């Protein structure tokens, strides 16, 4: 059993529960057949809680594994800074563009071969998915930026 993984899973479970609670406080849709603003956050919170439960159970079953020490690596620090840059960039370049850049840079950091084809494809795919699904199909306005 890895205590560090269980602690992290329990933290994310608590965050998921808080996320669901806060999503339920959002106003309902004025029409009965429309999805309200709290629907997606509610399901994301539920998914987070369920995945946390899966992680706790899987780690609980791994009794033979040694306890691990949680270390804050450079890659973890880089992703934290990248996530903060993503949040800061949204008001300037918009959500879709910021998500595309965040995804591309994240994949580039994880990719060991340092080829740019995969990160560019992932960034473009994320941008296309967000735009087509949310803005075109669901007619959900995504935050724009000053530049875009």
C-alpha atoms as a PDB file:
ATOM      1  CA  UNK A   1       0.000   0.000   0.000  1.00  0.00           C
ATOM      2  CA  UNK A   2       1.383   3.382  -0.940  1.00  0.00           C
ATOM      3  CA  UNK A   3       0.385   5.916   1.653  1.00  0.00           C
ATOM      4  CA  UNK A   4       1.350   8.903  -0.478  1.00  0.00           C
ATOM      5  CA  UNK A   5      -0.964   7.847  -3.310  1.00  0.00           C
ATOM      6  CA  UNK A   6      -3.818   7.239  -0.910  1.00  0.00           C
ATOM      7  CA  UNK A   7      -3.352  10.649   0.713  1.00  0.00           C
ATOM      8  CA  UNK A   8      -3.358  12.350  -2.700  1.00  0.00           C
ATOM      9  CA  UNK A   9      -6.451  10.378  -3.751  1.00  0.00           C
ATOM     10  CA  UNK A  10      -8.263  11.393  -0.567  1.00  0.00           C
ATOM     11  CA  UNK A  11      -7.353  15.046  -1.165  1.00  0.00           C
ATOM     12  CA  UNK A  12      -8.694  14.849  -4.722  1.00  0.00           C
ATOM     13  CA  UNK A  13     -11.795  13.071  -3.443  1.00  0.00           C
ATOM     14  CA  UNK A  14     -12.449  15.941  -1.024  1.00  0.00           C
ATOM     15  CA  UNK A  15     -11.861  18.453  -3.823  1.00  0.00           C
ATOM     16  CA  UNK A  16     -14.275  16.534  -6.064  1.00  0.00           C
ATOM     17  CA  UNK A  17     -16.949  16.560  -3.374  1.00  0.00           C
ATOM     18  CA  UNK A  18     -16.439  20.299  -2.862  1.00  0.00           C
ATOM     19  CA  UNK A  19     -16.587  20.778  -6.651  1.00  0.00           C
ATOM     20  CA  UNK A  20     -19.923  18.939  -6.856  1.00  0.00           C
ATOM     21  CA  UNK A  21     -21.281  20.938  -3.921  1.00  0.00           C
ATOM     22  CA  UNK A  22     -20.298  24.255  -5.500  1.00  0.00           C
ATOM     23  CA  UNK A  23     -21.667  23.190  -8.896  1.00  0.00           C
ATOM     24  CA  UNK A  24     -25.021  22.419  -7.307  1.00  0.00           C
ATOM     25  CA  UNK A  25     -25.174  26.010  -6.039  1.00  0.00           C
ATOM     26  CA  UNK A  26     -25.126  27.375  -9.605  1.00  0.00           C
ATOM     27  CA  UNK A  27     -28.519  28.506 -10.935  1.00  0.00           C
ATOM     28  CA  UNK A  28     -30.614  26.076 -12.915  1.00  0.00           C
ATOM     29  CA  UNK A  29     -31.411  26.569 -16.566  1.00  0.00           C
ATOM     30  CA  UNK A  30     -34.545  28.633 -17.205  1.00  0.00           C
ATOM     31  CA  UNK A  31     -35.850  26.035 -19.658  1.00  0.00           C
ATOM     32  CA  UNK A  32     -36.610  22.471 -18.677  1.00  0.00           C
ATOM     33  CA  UNK A  33     -34.932  20.869 -21.705  1.00  0.00           C
ATOM     34  CA  UNK A  34     -31.690  22.875 -21.479  1.00  0.00           C
ATOM     35  CA  UNK A  35     -28.528  21.918 -19.626  1.00  0.00           C
ATOM     36  CA  UNK A  36     -27.756  24.350 -16.837  1.00  0.00           C
ATOM     37  CA  UNK A  37     -24.366  25.842 -15.996  1.00  0.00           C
ATOM     38  CA  UNK A  38     -23.783  23.375 -13.163  1.00  0.00           C
ATOM     39  CA  UNK A  39     -24.226  20.201 -15.207  1.00  0.00           C
ATOM     40  CA  UNK A  40     -20.674  19.825 -16.570  1.00  0.00           C
ATOM     41  CA  UNK A  41     -18.935  20.794 -13.299  1.00  0.00           C
ATOM     42  CA  UNK A  42     -21.140  18.344 -11.420  1.00  0.00           C
ATOM     43  CA  UNK A  43     -20.173  15.452 -13.691  1.00  0.00           C
ATOM     44  CA  UNK A  44     -16.501  16.431 -13.589  1.00  0.00           C
ATOM     45  CA  UNK A  45     -16.623  16.408  -9.790  1.00  0.00           C
ATOM     46  CA  UNK A  46     -18.381  13.028  -9.756  1.00  0.00           C
ATOM     47  CA  UNK A  47     -15.761  11.634 -12.152  1.00  0.00           C
ATOM     48  CA  UNK A  48     -12.994  12.962  -9.897  1.00  0.00           C
ATOM     49  CA  UNK A  49     -14.533  11.317  -6.834  1.00  0.00           C
ATOM     50  CA  UNK A  50     -14.990   7.997  -8.651  1.00  0.00           C
ATOM     51  CA  UNK A  51     -11.434   8.004  -9.990  1.00  0.00           C
ATOM     52  CA  UNK A  52     -10.138   8.816  -6.505  1.00  0.00           C
ATOM     53  CA  UNK A  53     -12.050   5.848  -5.110  1.00  0.00           C
ATOM     54  CA  UNK A  54     -10.540   3.611  -7.795  1.00  0.00           C
ATOM     55  CA  UNK A  55      -7.053   4.840  -6.875  1.00  0.00           C
ATOM     56  CA  UNK A  56      -7.612   4.260  -3.140  1.00  0.00           C
ATOM     57  CA  UNK A  57      -8.893   0.732  -3.749  1.00  0.00           C
ATOM     58  CA  UNK A  58      -6.065  -0.136  -6.154  1.00  0.00           C
ATOM     59  CA  UNK A  59      -3.426   1.188  -3.754  1.00  0.00           C
ATOM     60  CA  UNK A  60      -5.036  -0.570  -0.816  1.00  0.00           C
ATOM     61  CA  UNK A  61      -4.739  -3.860  -2.702  1.00  0.00           C
ATOM     62  CA  UNK A  62      -1.010  -3.316  -3.336  1.00  0.00           C
ATOM     63  CA  UNK A  63       0.071  -4.416   0.141  1.00  0.00           C
ATOM     64  CA  UNK A  64       3.487  -5.627  -0.993  1.00  0.00           C
ATOM     65  CA  UNK A  65       4.604  -2.286  -2.391  1.00  0.00           C
ATOM     66  CA  UNK A  66       6.931  -0.217  -0.251  1.00  0.00           C
ATOM     67  CA  UNK A  67       5.812   3.152   1.082  1.00  0.00           C
ATOM     68  CA  UNK A  68       6.834   5.927  -1.235  1.00  0.00           C
ATOM     69  CA  UNK A  69       8.000   9.410  -0.520  1.00  0.00           C
ATOM     70  CA  UNK A  70       6.186  12.125  -2.422  1.00  0.00           C
ATOM     71  CA  UNK A  71       8.754  14.332  -4.060  1.00  0.00           C
ATOM     72  CA  UNK A  72       8.117  17.572  -5.855  1.00  0.00           C
ATOM     73  CA  UNK A  73      10.115  17.062  -9.043  1.00  0.00           C
ATOM     74  CA  UNK A  74      11.106  19.617 -11.633  1.00  0.00           C
ATOM     75  CA  UNK A  75       8.545  18.142 -14.011  1.00  0.00           C
ATOM     76  CA  UNK A  76       5.797  18.536 -11.407  1.00  0.00           C
ATOM     77  CA  UNK A  77       6.891  22.103 -10.712  1.00  0.00           C
ATOM     78  CA  UNK A  78       6.940  22.763 -14.449  1.00  0.00           C
ATOM     79  CA  UNK A  79       3.379  21.532 -14.853  1.00  0.00           C
ATOM     80  CA  UNK A  80       2.254  23.630 -11.913  1.00  0.00           C
ATOM     81  CA  UNK A  81       3.807  26.705 -13.515  1.00  0.00           C
ATOM     82  CA  UNK A  82       2.313  25.727 -16.864  1.00  0.00           C
ATOM     83  CA  UNK A  83      -1.146  25.455 -15.287  1.00  0.00           C
ATOM     84  CA  UNK A  84      -0.732  28.884 -13.690  1.00  0.00           C
ATOM     85  CA  UNK A  85       0.392  30.326 -17.032  1.00  0.00           C
ATOM     86  CA  UNK A  86      -2.696  28.763 -18.618  1.00  0.00           C
ATOM     87  CA  UNK A  87      -4.960  30.522 -16.113  1.00  0.00           C
ATOM     88  CA  UNK A  88      -3.167  33.828 -16.597  1.00  0.00           C
ATOM     89  CA  UNK A  89      -3.269  33.524 -20.411  1.00  0.00           C
ATOM     90  CA  UNK A  90      -7.042  32.951 -20.677  1.00  0.00           C
ATOM     91  CA  UNK A  91      -8.040  36.640 -20.334  1.00  0.00           C
ATOM     92  CA  UNK A  92      -5.431  37.642 -22.919  1.00  0.00           C
ATOM     93  CA  UNK A  93      -5.675  35.011 -25.669  1.00  0.00           C
ATOM     94  CA  UNK A  94      -8.954  33.260 -24.826  1.00  0.00           C
ATOM     95  CA  UNK A  95      -9.790  29.839 -23.451  1.00  0.00           C
ATOM     96  CA  UNK A  96      -9.490  27.854 -26.687  1.00  0.00           C
ATOM     97  CA  UNK A  97      -6.087  29.259 -27.630  1.00  0.00           C
ATOM     98  CA  UNK A  98      -4.773  28.960 -24.057  1.00  0.00           C
ATOM     99  CA  UNK A  99      -5.949  25.333 -23.854  1.00  0.00           C
ATOM    100  CA  UNK A 100      -4.283  24.556 -27.181  1.00  0.00           C
ATOM    101  CA  UNK A 101      -0.967  26.067 -26.064  1.00  0.00           C
ATOM    102  CA  UNK A 102      -1.217  24.397 -22.638  1.00  0.00           C
ATOM    103  CA  UNK A 103      -1.858  21.003 -24.248  1.00  0.00           C
ATOM    104  CA  UNK A 104       0.909  21.378 -26.826  1.00  0.00           C
ATOM    105  CA  UNK A 105       3.523  22.492 -24.299  1.00  0.00           C
ATOM    106  CA  UNK A 106       2.430  19.784 -21.842  1.00  0.00           C
ATOM    107  CA  UNK A 107       2.781  17.055 -24.456  1.00  0.00           C
ATOM    108  CA  UNK A 108       6.132  18.480 -25.571  1.00  0.00           C
ATOM    109  CA  UNK A 109       7.418  18.332 -21.991  1.00  0.00           C
ATOM    110  CA  UNK A 110       6.259  14.722 -21.613  1.00  0.00           C
ATOM    111  CA  UNK A 111       7.430  13.608 -25.068  1.00  0.00           C
ATOM    112  CA  UNK A 112      10.891  12.096 -24.838  1.00  0.00           C
ATOM    113  CA  UNK A 113      11.787  12.299 -28.530  1.00  0.00           C
ATOM    114  CA  UNK A 114      11.305  16.109 -28.628  1.00  0.00           C
ATOM    115  CA  UNK A 115       9.556  15.986 -31.992  1.00  0.00           C
ATOM    116  CA  UNK A 116       7.084  18.828 -32.489  1.00  0.00           C
ATOM    117  CA  UNK A 117       4.581  16.935 -34.647  1.00  0.00           C
ATOM    118  CA  UNK A 118       2.704  15.280 -31.774  1.00  0.00           C
ATOM    119  CA  UNK A 119       2.458  18.390 -29.553  1.00  0.00           C
ATOM    120  CA  UNK A 120       1.245  20.515 -32.480  1.00  0.00           C
ATOM    121  CA  UNK A 121      -1.310  17.840 -33.414  1.00  0.00           C
ATOM    122  CA  UNK A 122      -2.558  17.561 -29.819  1.00  0.00           C
ATOM    123  CA  UNK A 123      -2.777  21.346 -29.424  1.00  0.00           C
ATOM    124  CA  UNK A 124      -4.664  21.678 -32.700  1.00  0.00           C
ATOM    125  CA  UNK A 125      -6.933  18.778 -31.804  1.00  0.00           C
ATOM    126  CA  UNK A 126      -7.755  20.283 -28.411  1.00  0.00           C
ATOM    127  CA  UNK A 127      -8.530  23.657 -30.006  1.00  0.00           C
ATOM    128  CA  UNK A 128     -10.706  22.069 -32.696  1.00  0.00           C
ATOM    129  CA  UNK A 129     -12.533  19.882 -30.172  1.00  0.00           C
ATOM    130  CA  UNK A 130     -13.256  22.731 -27.772  1.00  0.00           C
ATOM    131  CA  UNK A 131     -14.402  25.056 -30.529  1.00  0.00           C
ATOM    132  CA  UNK A 132     -16.529  22.546 -32.426  1.00  0.00           C
ATOM    133  CA  UNK A 133     -18.132  20.812 -29.460  1.00  0.00           C
ATOM    134  CA  UNK A 134     -18.701  23.689 -27.090  1.00  0.00           C
ATOM    135  CA  UNK A 135     -19.141  26.736 -29.308  1.00  0.00           C
ATOM    136  CA  UNK A 136     -20.702  25.166 -32.401  1.00  0.00           C
ATOM    137  CA  UNK A 137     -22.508  22.029 -31.236  1.00  0.00           C
ATOM    138  CA  UNK A 138     -23.570  22.976 -27.705  1.00  0.00           C
ATOM    139  CA  UNK A 139     -23.620  26.760 -28.259  1.00  0.00           C
ATOM    140  CA  UNK A 140     -21.713  27.314 -25.009  1.00  0.00           C
ATOM    141  CA  UNK A 141     -19.761  30.561 -25.062  1.00  0.00           C
ATOM    142  CA  UNK A 142     -16.154  30.064 -24.045  1.00  0.00           C
ATOM    143  CA  UNK A 143     -14.123  32.917 -22.580  1.00  0.00           C
ATOM    144  CA  UNK A 144     -12.492  35.044 -25.241  1.00  0.00           C
ATOM    145  CA  UNK A 145      -9.427  37.157 -24.774  1.00  0.00           C
ATOM    146  CA  UNK A 146      -8.270  40.655 -25.539  1.00  0.00           C
ATOM    147  CA  UNK A 147      -6.159  39.521 -28.466  1.00  0.00           C
ATOM    148  CA  UNK A 148      -8.456  36.853 -29.956  1.00  0.00           C
END
